[in-house]
Amino acid sequence: MTRHLFEAVLRLQLGPVDRDFEARITYQGGPFQADIETIEVQTEQGWIPVPWLIDLVEDCPALFDALRAHACGRVADARCVARRL
């Protein structure tokens, strides 16, 4: 599997409020798998790792579908570029 960087906005429900965070997810993935290594959120102090978020998003099928699709697209893009060379 290949390591990828996925940037997105994560919406978390914190008590009675929903809050959006700019997030970077580093993961290893392919068409049938996505293993999250780190999640970082952007704050005024810069990008901060939040390892506890991994446990929260592991049960989110939509996120894992997006990561797998992202990984497949990146591999397809790389193959397309390689064919042109």
C-alpha atoms as a PDB file:
ATOM      1  CA  MET A   1       0.000   0.000   0.000  1.00  0.00           C
ATOM      2  CA  THR A   2       0.990   3.567  -0.595  1.00  0.00           C
ATOM      3  CA  ARG A   3       1.020   6.436   1.897  1.00  0.00           C
ATOM      4  CA  HIS A   4      -1.369   9.295   1.054  1.00  0.00           C
ATOM      5  CA  LEU A   5      -2.290  12.697   2.454  1.00  0.00           C
ATOM      6  CA  PHE A   6      -5.996  13.587   2.417  1.00  0.00           C
ATOM      7  CA  GLU A   7      -7.130  17.110   3.275  1.00  0.00           C
ATOM      8  CA  ALA A   8     -10.742  17.705   4.253  1.00  0.00           C
ATOM      9  CA  VAL A   9     -13.076  19.455   6.623  1.00  0.00           C
ATOM     10  CA  LEU A  10     -14.181  17.234   9.491  1.00  0.00           C
ATOM     11  CA  ARG A  11     -17.433  18.120  11.220  1.00  0.00           C
ATOM     12  CA  LEU A  12     -17.469  16.949  14.821  1.00  0.00           C
ATOM     13  CA  GLN A  13     -20.380  17.091  17.197  1.00  0.00           C
ATOM     14  CA  LEU A  14     -18.998  18.473  20.440  1.00  0.00           C
ATOM     15  CA  GLY A  15     -21.838  18.372  22.908  1.00  0.00           C
ATOM     16  CA  PRO A  16     -24.819  20.228  21.478  1.00  0.00           C
ATOM     17  CA  VAL A  17     -22.737  22.011  18.813  1.00  0.00           C
ATOM     18  CA  ASP A  18     -21.290  20.911  15.468  1.00  0.00           C
ATOM     19  CA  ARG A  19     -17.836  22.288  14.758  1.00  0.00           C
ATOM     20  CA  ASP A  20     -15.845  22.155  11.505  1.00  0.00           C
ATOM     21  CA  PHE A  21     -12.089  21.559  11.505  1.00  0.00           C
ATOM     22  CA  GLU A  22      -9.615  21.737   8.639  1.00  0.00           C
ATOM     23  CA  ALA A  23      -7.950  18.334   8.838  1.00  0.00           C
ATOM     24  CA  ARG A  24      -5.073  16.420   7.277  1.00  0.00           C
ATOM     25  CA  ILE A  25      -5.278  12.653   7.355  1.00  0.00           C
ATOM     26  CA  THR A  26      -2.184  10.591   6.603  1.00  0.00           C
ATOM     27  CA  TYR A  27      -3.074   7.043   5.693  1.00  0.00           C
ATOM     28  CA  GLN A  28      -1.980   3.993   3.773  1.00  0.00           C
ATOM     29  CA  GLY A  29      -4.596   2.883   1.325  1.00  0.00           C
ATOM     30  CA  GLY A  30      -5.737   1.127  -1.757  1.00  0.00           C
ATOM     31  CA  PRO A  31      -9.005   0.133  -3.419  1.00  0.00           C
ATOM     32  CA  PHE A  32     -10.130  -2.117  -0.564  1.00  0.00           C
ATOM     33  CA  GLN A  33      -8.393  -0.693   2.488  1.00  0.00           C
ATOM     34  CA  ALA A  34      -7.533   2.564   4.257  1.00  0.00           C
ATOM     35  CA  ASP A  35      -5.405   2.520   7.410  1.00  0.00           C
ATOM     36  CA  ILE A  36      -5.244   5.913   9.116  1.00  0.00           C
ATOM     37  CA  GLU A  37      -1.841   6.724  10.603  1.00  0.00           C
ATOM     38  CA  THR A  38      -2.354  10.304  11.814  1.00  0.00           C
ATOM     39  CA  ILE A  39      -4.976  13.031  11.892  1.00  0.00           C
ATOM     40  CA  GLU A  40      -3.984  16.661  12.336  1.00  0.00           C
ATOM     41  CA  VAL A  41      -6.269  19.682  12.695  1.00  0.00           C
ATOM     42  CA  GLN A  42      -5.357  23.250  11.891  1.00  0.00           C
ATOM     43  CA  THR A  43      -5.431  25.739  14.736  1.00  0.00           C
ATOM     44  CA  GLU A  44      -4.063  29.224  15.265  1.00  0.00           C
ATOM     45  CA  GLN A  45      -0.835  27.559  16.447  1.00  0.00           C
ATOM     46  CA  GLY A  46      -0.552  25.488  13.248  1.00  0.00           C
ATOM     47  CA  TRP A  47      -1.230  21.806  12.574  1.00  0.00           C
ATOM     48  CA  ILE A  48      -1.737  19.792  15.767  1.00  0.00           C
ATOM     49  CA  PRO A  49      -1.878  15.972  15.856  1.00  0.00           C
ATOM     50  CA  VAL A  50      -5.038  14.584  17.458  1.00  0.00           C
ATOM     51  CA  PRO A  51      -4.581  10.816  17.796  1.00  0.00           C
ATOM     52  CA  TRP A  52      -7.844  10.384  19.748  1.00  0.00           C
ATOM     53  CA  LEU A  53      -9.759  11.409  16.604  1.00  0.00           C
ATOM     54  CA  ILE A  54      -8.726   8.174  14.876  1.00  0.00           C
ATOM     55  CA  ASP A  55     -10.918   6.175  17.257  1.00  0.00           C
ATOM     56  CA  LEU A  56     -13.856   8.511  16.583  1.00  0.00           C
ATOM     57  CA  VAL A  57     -13.677   8.316  12.783  1.00  0.00           C
ATOM     58  CA  GLU A  58     -12.925   4.587  12.501  1.00  0.00           C
ATOM     59  CA  ASP A  59     -16.676   3.887  12.494  1.00  0.00           C
ATOM     60  CA  CYS A  60     -17.412   6.377   9.704  1.00  0.00           C
ATOM     61  CA  PRO A  61     -18.037   4.450   6.452  1.00  0.00           C
ATOM     62  CA  ALA A  62     -18.339   7.646   4.397  1.00  0.00           C
ATOM     63  CA  LEU A  63     -14.844   8.790   5.413  1.00  0.00           C
ATOM     64  CA  PHE A  64     -13.275   5.421   4.637  1.00  0.00           C
ATOM     65  CA  ASP A  65     -15.064   5.346   1.257  1.00  0.00           C
ATOM     66  CA  ALA A  66     -13.606   8.795   0.532  1.00  0.00           C
ATOM     67  CA  LEU A  67     -10.099   7.669   1.563  1.00  0.00           C
ATOM     68  CA  ARG A  68     -10.272   4.556  -0.615  1.00  0.00           C
ATOM     69  CA  ALA A  69     -11.570   6.590  -3.570  1.00  0.00           C
ATOM     70  CA  HIS A  70      -8.797   9.156  -2.989  1.00  0.00           C
ATOM     71  CA  ALA A  71      -6.156   6.402  -2.953  1.00  0.00           C
ATOM     72  CA  CYS A  72      -7.525   4.852  -6.158  1.00  0.00           C
ATOM     73  CA  GLY A  73      -7.597   8.238  -7.856  1.00  0.00           C
ATOM     74  CA  ARG A  74      -4.007   8.972  -6.851  1.00  0.00           C
ATOM     75  CA  VAL A  75      -2.829   5.611  -8.211  1.00  0.00           C
ATOM     76  CA  ALA A  76      -4.783   6.163 -11.443  1.00  0.00           C
ATOM     77  CA  ASP A  77      -3.275   9.668 -11.798  1.00  0.00           C
ATOM     78  CA  ALA A  78       0.238   8.276 -11.298  1.00  0.00           C
ATOM     79  CA  ARG A  79      -0.341   5.597 -13.944  1.00  0.00           C
ATOM     80  CA  CYS A  80      -1.676   8.198 -16.377  1.00  0.00           C
ATOM     81  CA  VAL A  81       1.393  10.409 -15.854  1.00  0.00           C
ATOM     82  CA  ALA A  82       3.726   7.405 -16.223  1.00  0.00           C
ATOM     83  CA  ARG A  83       2.112   6.477 -19.557  1.00  0.00           C
ATOM     84  CA  ARG A  84       2.807   9.977 -20.900  1.00  0.00           C
ATOM     85  CA  LEU A  85       6.527   9.798 -20.063  1.00  0.00           C
END
